N, C-alpha and C. Protein backbone atom coordinates (compact mmCIF):
# COMPACT_ATOMS: atom_id res chain seq x y z
N MET A 1 85.19 9.20 70.21
CA MET A 1 84.23 8.52 69.35
C MET A 1 83.90 7.13 69.90
N LEU A 2 84.91 6.47 70.44
CA LEU A 2 84.68 5.14 70.98
C LEU A 2 83.78 5.19 72.20
N GLY A 3 83.95 6.21 73.04
CA GLY A 3 83.06 6.40 74.19
C GLY A 3 81.64 6.70 73.75
N LEU A 4 81.49 7.45 72.69
CA LEU A 4 80.17 7.74 72.14
C LEU A 4 79.48 6.46 71.67
N ILE A 5 80.23 5.61 71.02
CA ILE A 5 79.67 4.33 70.58
C ILE A 5 79.30 3.48 71.79
N ARG A 6 80.18 3.41 72.77
CA ARG A 6 79.94 2.58 73.94
C ARG A 6 78.70 3.03 74.71
N ARG A 7 78.50 4.34 74.82
CA ARG A 7 77.37 4.85 75.61
C ARG A 7 76.04 4.78 74.87
N ASN A 8 76.05 4.94 73.57
CA ASN A 8 74.79 5.13 72.84
C ASN A 8 74.31 3.95 72.02
N VAL A 9 75.09 2.91 71.90
CA VAL A 9 74.67 1.76 71.12
C VAL A 9 74.29 0.64 72.08
N ASN A 10 73.06 0.17 71.97
CA ASN A 10 72.59 -0.89 72.86
C ASN A 10 72.89 -2.27 72.28
N TYR A 11 72.69 -2.46 70.99
CA TYR A 11 72.91 -3.74 70.35
C TYR A 11 74.35 -3.81 69.88
N LYS A 12 75.21 -4.49 70.64
CA LYS A 12 76.64 -4.50 70.37
C LYS A 12 77.08 -5.83 69.78
N SER A 13 76.67 -6.10 68.56
CA SER A 13 77.10 -7.32 67.89
C SER A 13 78.42 -7.04 67.16
N LYS A 14 79.04 -8.10 66.65
CA LYS A 14 80.30 -7.97 65.92
C LYS A 14 80.14 -7.05 64.71
N GLU A 15 79.09 -7.26 63.96
CA GLU A 15 78.90 -6.51 62.73
C GLU A 15 78.67 -5.02 63.00
N VAL A 16 77.86 -4.74 64.01
CA VAL A 16 77.54 -3.34 64.33
C VAL A 16 78.77 -2.61 64.83
N ILE A 17 79.50 -3.20 65.76
CA ILE A 17 80.68 -2.55 66.32
C ILE A 17 81.76 -2.40 65.25
N ARG A 18 81.97 -3.43 64.42
CA ARG A 18 82.98 -3.34 63.36
C ARG A 18 82.63 -2.22 62.39
N GLY A 19 81.37 -2.12 62.01
CA GLY A 19 80.96 -1.07 61.09
C GLY A 19 81.13 0.32 61.67
N LEU A 20 80.73 0.50 62.92
CA LEU A 20 80.89 1.80 63.57
C LEU A 20 82.36 2.15 63.79
N TYR A 21 83.14 1.15 64.17
CA TYR A 21 84.58 1.37 64.38
C TYR A 21 85.25 1.77 63.07
N ASN A 22 84.93 1.04 61.99
CA ASN A 22 85.54 1.36 60.69
C ASN A 22 85.13 2.73 60.18
N ALA A 23 83.91 3.15 60.48
CA ALA A 23 83.41 4.42 59.97
C ALA A 23 83.79 5.61 60.84
N LEU A 24 83.83 5.44 62.16
CA LEU A 24 83.99 6.59 63.04
C LEU A 24 85.33 6.67 63.77
N VAL A 25 85.93 5.55 64.11
CA VAL A 25 87.12 5.58 64.95
C VAL A 25 88.40 5.43 64.14
N ARG A 26 88.46 4.42 63.28
CA ARG A 26 89.70 4.14 62.56
C ARG A 26 90.18 5.27 61.67
N PRO A 27 89.32 6.05 61.03
CA PRO A 27 89.85 7.19 60.26
C PRO A 27 90.65 8.18 61.12
N HIS A 28 90.28 8.33 62.38
CA HIS A 28 91.05 9.21 63.27
C HIS A 28 92.41 8.61 63.59
N LEU A 29 92.48 7.29 63.72
CA LEU A 29 93.73 6.62 64.06
C LEU A 29 94.69 6.56 62.88
N GLU A 30 94.15 6.50 61.67
CA GLU A 30 94.99 6.30 60.50
C GLU A 30 95.15 7.55 59.64
N TYR A 31 94.73 8.69 60.12
CA TYR A 31 94.83 9.91 59.34
C TYR A 31 96.30 10.26 59.10
N CYS A 32 96.72 10.30 57.86
CA CYS A 32 98.09 10.64 57.44
C CYS A 32 99.16 9.78 58.11
N VAL A 33 98.82 8.53 58.40
CA VAL A 33 99.77 7.68 59.11
C VAL A 33 100.98 7.36 58.25
N GLN A 34 100.85 7.37 56.92
CA GLN A 34 102.01 7.13 56.07
C GLN A 34 102.97 8.31 56.12
N ALA A 35 102.48 9.48 56.47
CA ALA A 35 103.35 10.65 56.54
C ALA A 35 104.06 10.74 57.89
N TRP A 36 103.34 10.51 58.98
CA TRP A 36 103.98 10.69 60.28
C TRP A 36 104.40 9.39 60.92
N SER A 37 103.92 8.27 60.48
CA SER A 37 104.33 6.92 60.86
C SER A 37 104.91 6.83 62.28
N PRO A 38 104.10 6.50 63.26
CA PRO A 38 104.58 6.46 64.64
C PRO A 38 105.73 5.47 64.80
N TYR A 39 106.81 5.92 65.42
CA TYR A 39 107.97 5.06 65.58
C TYR A 39 108.30 4.82 67.04
N LEU A 40 107.80 5.67 67.94
CA LEU A 40 108.02 5.44 69.36
C LEU A 40 107.09 4.34 69.85
N LYS A 41 107.60 3.47 70.71
CA LYS A 41 106.80 2.36 71.21
C LYS A 41 105.57 2.86 71.97
N LYS A 42 105.72 3.97 72.68
CA LYS A 42 104.58 4.48 73.44
C LYS A 42 103.47 4.99 72.52
N ASP A 43 103.84 5.59 71.38
CA ASP A 43 102.83 6.05 70.42
C ASP A 43 102.12 4.87 69.77
N ILE A 44 102.89 3.86 69.41
CA ILE A 44 102.31 2.66 68.80
C ILE A 44 101.38 1.98 69.80
N ARG A 45 101.82 1.90 71.06
CA ARG A 45 101.01 1.27 72.10
C ARG A 45 99.70 2.03 72.33
N LEU A 46 99.76 3.36 72.33
CA LEU A 46 98.56 4.16 72.52
C LEU A 46 97.55 3.97 71.40
N LEU A 47 98.03 3.95 70.16
CA LEU A 47 97.13 3.74 69.03
C LEU A 47 96.50 2.35 69.07
N GLU A 48 97.32 1.37 69.38
CA GLU A 48 96.82 0.00 69.43
C GLU A 48 95.85 -0.19 70.59
N GLN A 49 96.04 0.57 71.67
CA GLN A 49 95.16 0.47 72.84
C GLN A 49 93.74 0.92 72.50
N VAL A 50 93.60 1.89 71.63
CA VAL A 50 92.27 2.34 71.21
C VAL A 50 91.54 1.20 70.51
N GLN A 51 92.27 0.49 69.63
CA GLN A 51 91.63 -0.62 68.93
C GLN A 51 91.32 -1.76 69.91
N LYS A 52 92.18 -1.98 70.89
CA LYS A 52 91.91 -3.01 71.90
C LYS A 52 90.64 -2.68 72.68
N ASN A 53 90.47 -1.41 73.01
CA ASN A 53 89.26 -1.00 73.73
C ASN A 53 88.01 -1.17 72.86
N ALA A 54 88.15 -0.92 71.57
CA ALA A 54 87.01 -1.10 70.67
C ALA A 54 86.60 -2.56 70.59
N VAL A 55 87.57 -3.45 70.57
CA VAL A 55 87.28 -4.88 70.48
C VAL A 55 86.67 -5.40 71.78
N ARG A 56 87.04 -4.78 72.89
CA ARG A 56 86.50 -5.19 74.19
C ARG A 56 85.02 -4.88 74.36
N ILE A 57 84.49 -3.99 73.55
CA ILE A 57 83.08 -3.62 73.66
C ILE A 57 82.17 -4.80 73.34
N ILE A 58 82.60 -5.66 72.44
CA ILE A 58 81.77 -6.79 72.00
C ILE A 58 81.67 -7.81 73.12
N PRO A 59 80.46 -8.10 73.59
CA PRO A 59 80.31 -8.96 74.77
C PRO A 59 80.65 -10.43 74.54
N GLY A 60 80.53 -10.95 73.35
CA GLY A 60 80.75 -12.37 73.11
C GLY A 60 82.21 -12.79 73.07
N LEU A 61 83.15 -11.85 73.13
CA LEU A 61 84.57 -12.17 72.98
C LEU A 61 85.37 -11.87 74.26
N LYS A 62 84.77 -12.00 75.40
CA LYS A 62 85.42 -11.61 76.65
C LYS A 62 86.66 -12.43 76.99
N GLY A 63 86.65 -13.76 76.76
CA GLY A 63 87.75 -14.60 77.21
C GLY A 63 88.95 -14.66 76.28
N ASP A 64 88.79 -14.23 75.04
CA ASP A 64 89.86 -14.36 74.05
C ASP A 64 90.91 -13.27 74.22
N ASN A 65 92.11 -13.53 73.70
CA ASN A 65 93.13 -12.48 73.71
C ASN A 65 92.91 -11.55 72.51
N TYR A 66 93.71 -10.52 72.41
CA TYR A 66 93.51 -9.45 71.43
C TYR A 66 93.57 -9.96 70.00
N GLU A 67 94.58 -10.78 69.67
CA GLU A 67 94.73 -11.26 68.30
C GLU A 67 93.55 -12.15 67.90
N ASP A 68 93.09 -12.99 68.83
CA ASP A 68 91.94 -13.86 68.52
C ASP A 68 90.67 -13.04 68.31
N ARG A 69 90.51 -11.99 69.11
CA ARG A 69 89.34 -11.11 68.94
C ARG A 69 89.37 -10.43 67.58
N LEU A 70 90.55 -9.94 67.19
CA LEU A 70 90.66 -9.29 65.88
C LEU A 70 90.34 -10.26 64.75
N ARG A 71 90.85 -11.48 64.86
CA ARG A 71 90.60 -12.49 63.84
C ARG A 71 89.11 -12.82 63.77
N GLU A 72 88.47 -12.91 64.94
CA GLU A 72 87.04 -13.23 64.99
C GLU A 72 86.19 -12.14 64.33
N ILE A 73 86.58 -10.90 64.53
CA ILE A 73 85.83 -9.77 63.98
C ILE A 73 86.16 -9.54 62.50
N GLY A 74 87.36 -9.89 62.10
CA GLY A 74 87.77 -9.67 60.71
C GLY A 74 88.57 -8.40 60.55
N LEU A 75 89.29 -7.98 61.57
CA LEU A 75 90.14 -6.79 61.51
C LEU A 75 91.60 -7.20 61.61
N TYR A 76 92.48 -6.27 61.25
CA TYR A 76 93.92 -6.47 61.38
C TYR A 76 94.46 -5.46 62.38
N SER A 77 95.63 -5.75 62.94
CA SER A 77 96.23 -4.80 63.87
C SER A 77 96.63 -3.54 63.10
N LEU A 78 96.75 -2.44 63.81
CA LEU A 78 97.10 -1.17 63.17
C LEU A 78 98.52 -1.22 62.62
N LYS A 79 99.39 -1.97 63.28
CA LYS A 79 100.77 -2.11 62.80
C LYS A 79 100.78 -2.79 61.42
N ARG A 80 99.97 -3.83 61.29
CA ARG A 80 99.89 -4.53 60.00
C ARG A 80 99.27 -3.64 58.93
N ARG A 81 98.29 -2.84 59.29
CA ARG A 81 97.67 -1.93 58.33
C ARG A 81 98.65 -0.85 57.88
N ARG A 82 99.51 -0.37 58.81
CA ARG A 82 100.53 0.62 58.42
C ARG A 82 101.53 0.01 57.45
N LEU A 83 101.95 -1.23 57.72
CA LEU A 83 102.88 -1.91 56.82
C LEU A 83 102.25 -2.09 55.44
N ARG A 84 101.00 -2.49 55.40
CA ARG A 84 100.29 -2.66 54.13
C ARG A 84 100.22 -1.34 53.37
N GLY A 85 99.93 -0.25 54.08
CA GLY A 85 99.88 1.06 53.45
C GLY A 85 101.23 1.48 52.89
N ASP A 86 102.30 1.18 53.63
CA ASP A 86 103.64 1.50 53.14
C ASP A 86 103.97 0.70 51.87
N LEU A 87 103.60 -0.56 51.87
CA LEU A 87 103.85 -1.39 50.68
C LEU A 87 103.06 -0.90 49.48
N ILE A 88 101.84 -0.45 49.71
CA ILE A 88 101.03 0.10 48.62
C ILE A 88 101.67 1.37 48.08
N GLU A 89 102.18 2.22 48.95
CA GLU A 89 102.83 3.46 48.50
C GLU A 89 104.08 3.17 47.67
N VAL A 90 104.89 2.19 48.10
CA VAL A 90 106.08 1.83 47.34
C VAL A 90 105.68 1.26 45.97
N TYR A 91 104.63 0.45 45.94
CA TYR A 91 104.13 -0.08 44.67
C TYR A 91 103.71 1.06 43.74
N LYS A 92 103.00 2.05 44.29
CA LYS A 92 102.57 3.20 43.48
C LYS A 92 103.78 3.96 42.94
N MET A 93 104.85 4.08 43.75
CA MET A 93 106.06 4.76 43.29
C MET A 93 106.69 3.98 42.13
N PHE A 94 106.75 2.66 42.24
CA PHE A 94 107.33 1.84 41.17
C PHE A 94 106.53 1.94 39.89
N GLN A 95 105.21 1.99 40.00
CA GLN A 95 104.36 2.02 38.82
C GLN A 95 104.19 3.42 38.25
N GLY A 96 104.67 4.44 38.94
CA GLY A 96 104.53 5.81 38.47
C GLY A 96 103.17 6.41 38.74
N ILE A 97 102.38 5.78 39.59
CA ILE A 97 101.05 6.26 39.92
C ILE A 97 101.12 7.42 40.92
N SER A 98 102.06 7.32 41.85
CA SER A 98 102.21 8.33 42.89
C SER A 98 102.97 9.55 42.35
N LYS A 99 102.67 10.71 42.90
CA LYS A 99 103.39 11.92 42.51
C LYS A 99 104.77 11.97 43.15
N VAL A 100 104.96 11.19 44.20
CA VAL A 100 106.26 11.12 44.87
C VAL A 100 107.18 10.25 44.03
N LYS A 101 108.38 10.72 43.79
CA LYS A 101 109.33 10.00 42.95
C LYS A 101 110.06 8.94 43.77
N LEU A 102 110.30 7.82 43.17
CA LEU A 102 110.99 6.70 43.82
C LEU A 102 112.41 7.09 44.20
N ASP A 103 113.05 7.93 43.37
CA ASP A 103 114.44 8.31 43.62
C ASP A 103 114.61 9.18 44.86
N ASP A 104 113.53 9.80 45.32
CA ASP A 104 113.61 10.63 46.51
C ASP A 104 113.80 9.81 47.78
N PHE A 105 113.36 8.56 47.78
CA PHE A 105 113.41 7.74 48.98
C PHE A 105 114.31 6.52 48.86
N PHE A 106 114.48 6.00 47.65
CA PHE A 106 115.22 4.75 47.48
C PHE A 106 116.23 4.88 46.36
N THR A 107 117.26 4.03 46.41
CA THR A 107 118.17 3.87 45.29
C THR A 107 117.96 2.47 44.74
N LEU A 108 117.95 2.37 43.44
CA LEU A 108 117.74 1.09 42.77
C LEU A 108 119.06 0.42 42.47
N ASP A 109 119.09 -0.90 42.62
CA ASP A 109 120.26 -1.67 42.24
C ASP A 109 120.06 -2.08 40.79
N GLY A 110 120.64 -1.33 39.87
CA GLY A 110 120.43 -1.56 38.45
C GLY A 110 121.10 -2.81 37.92
N GLU A 111 122.12 -3.28 38.62
CA GLU A 111 122.83 -4.47 38.14
C GLU A 111 122.11 -5.72 38.61
N SER A 112 121.98 -6.65 37.74
CA SER A 112 121.37 -7.93 38.07
C SER A 112 122.46 -8.98 38.14
N ARG A 113 123.10 -9.09 39.29
CA ARG A 113 124.19 -10.05 39.45
C ARG A 113 123.63 -11.38 39.95
N GLY A 114 123.96 -12.42 39.25
CA GLY A 114 123.54 -13.75 39.68
C GLY A 114 122.04 -13.92 39.63
N ARG A 115 121.46 -14.29 40.75
CA ARG A 115 120.03 -14.59 40.79
C ARG A 115 119.21 -13.40 41.24
N ARG A 116 119.83 -12.25 41.41
CA ARG A 116 119.09 -11.06 41.85
C ARG A 116 118.25 -10.49 40.73
N HIS A 117 117.17 -9.82 41.13
CA HIS A 117 116.35 -9.14 40.14
C HIS A 117 116.72 -7.66 40.12
N SER A 118 116.25 -6.95 39.13
CA SER A 118 116.64 -5.55 38.95
C SER A 118 115.81 -4.59 39.79
N LYS A 119 114.83 -5.08 40.53
CA LYS A 119 113.97 -4.22 41.35
C LYS A 119 114.45 -4.12 42.79
N LYS A 120 115.67 -4.49 43.06
CA LYS A 120 116.21 -4.42 44.41
C LYS A 120 116.36 -2.96 44.80
N ILE A 121 115.79 -2.57 45.94
CA ILE A 121 115.85 -1.17 46.37
C ILE A 121 116.59 -1.07 47.69
N PHE A 122 117.22 0.07 47.90
CA PHE A 122 117.91 0.36 49.15
C PHE A 122 117.42 1.70 49.68
N LYS A 123 117.17 1.74 50.96
CA LYS A 123 116.71 2.98 51.59
C LYS A 123 117.88 3.95 51.67
N GLN A 124 117.63 5.18 51.25
CA GLN A 124 118.67 6.20 51.31
C GLN A 124 118.80 6.70 52.74
N GLY A 125 120.01 6.92 53.14
CA GLY A 125 120.25 7.54 54.43
C GLY A 125 120.07 9.04 54.31
N CYS A 126 119.85 9.69 55.42
CA CYS A 126 119.73 11.15 55.35
C CYS A 126 120.79 11.76 56.25
N ARG A 127 121.25 12.92 55.86
CA ARG A 127 122.32 13.58 56.61
C ARG A 127 121.80 14.20 57.89
N LEU A 128 120.54 14.59 57.88
CA LEU A 128 119.94 15.20 59.05
C LEU A 128 118.88 14.25 59.59
N ASN A 129 118.57 14.40 60.87
CA ASN A 129 117.54 13.54 61.44
C ASN A 129 116.18 14.23 61.44
N VAL A 130 115.92 15.03 60.43
CA VAL A 130 114.66 15.74 60.31
C VAL A 130 113.51 14.75 60.13
N ARG A 131 113.75 13.68 59.39
CA ARG A 131 112.71 12.69 59.17
C ARG A 131 112.42 11.86 60.42
N SER A 132 113.33 11.86 61.37
CA SER A 132 113.19 10.99 62.53
C SER A 132 112.25 11.55 63.59
N PHE A 133 112.10 12.83 63.66
CA PHE A 133 111.33 13.43 64.73
C PHE A 133 110.18 14.25 64.19
N PRO A 134 109.05 14.25 64.92
CA PRO A 134 107.92 15.07 64.46
C PRO A 134 108.25 16.56 64.55
N LEU A 135 107.53 17.32 63.76
CA LEU A 135 107.72 18.75 63.73
C LEU A 135 107.29 19.37 65.04
N VAL A 136 108.14 20.18 65.65
CA VAL A 136 107.82 20.82 66.91
C VAL A 136 107.22 22.17 66.62
N SER A 137 106.04 22.42 67.18
CA SER A 137 105.38 23.71 66.93
C SER A 137 106.08 24.82 67.70
N GLY A 138 106.05 25.99 67.16
CA GLY A 138 106.62 27.15 67.81
C GLY A 138 108.04 27.44 67.37
N LEU A 139 108.57 26.67 66.44
CA LEU A 139 109.95 26.94 65.96
C LEU A 139 109.91 27.77 64.72
């Protein structure tokens, strides 16, 4: 999609590229990212490289580094967007909006000792490393 934009769009302003990127490219990068959440550095680097290439298309930002280009355009890094999505999902679990139950992923610290609040959560460990690795096809 990014190559299609690069080849077929003549007027490459910040607004045009940001709009096309948000509409055509980013949905592919963020599809079900809360479910599969890339954890390998090479996967994270590959996803972030696509956004770096998209930002490089804009001619007025040639000398700036990646973070400055993102700030200039008004975008956030994909890592930050994944973190934001995770925080939104946990908020939905706390409020009962999500169909996923909070008890399936976290344990609550019900005791309020000292200055602690009652919303303290702890990530549950798992006995198997099924959650750690993507599903291998053909099994």
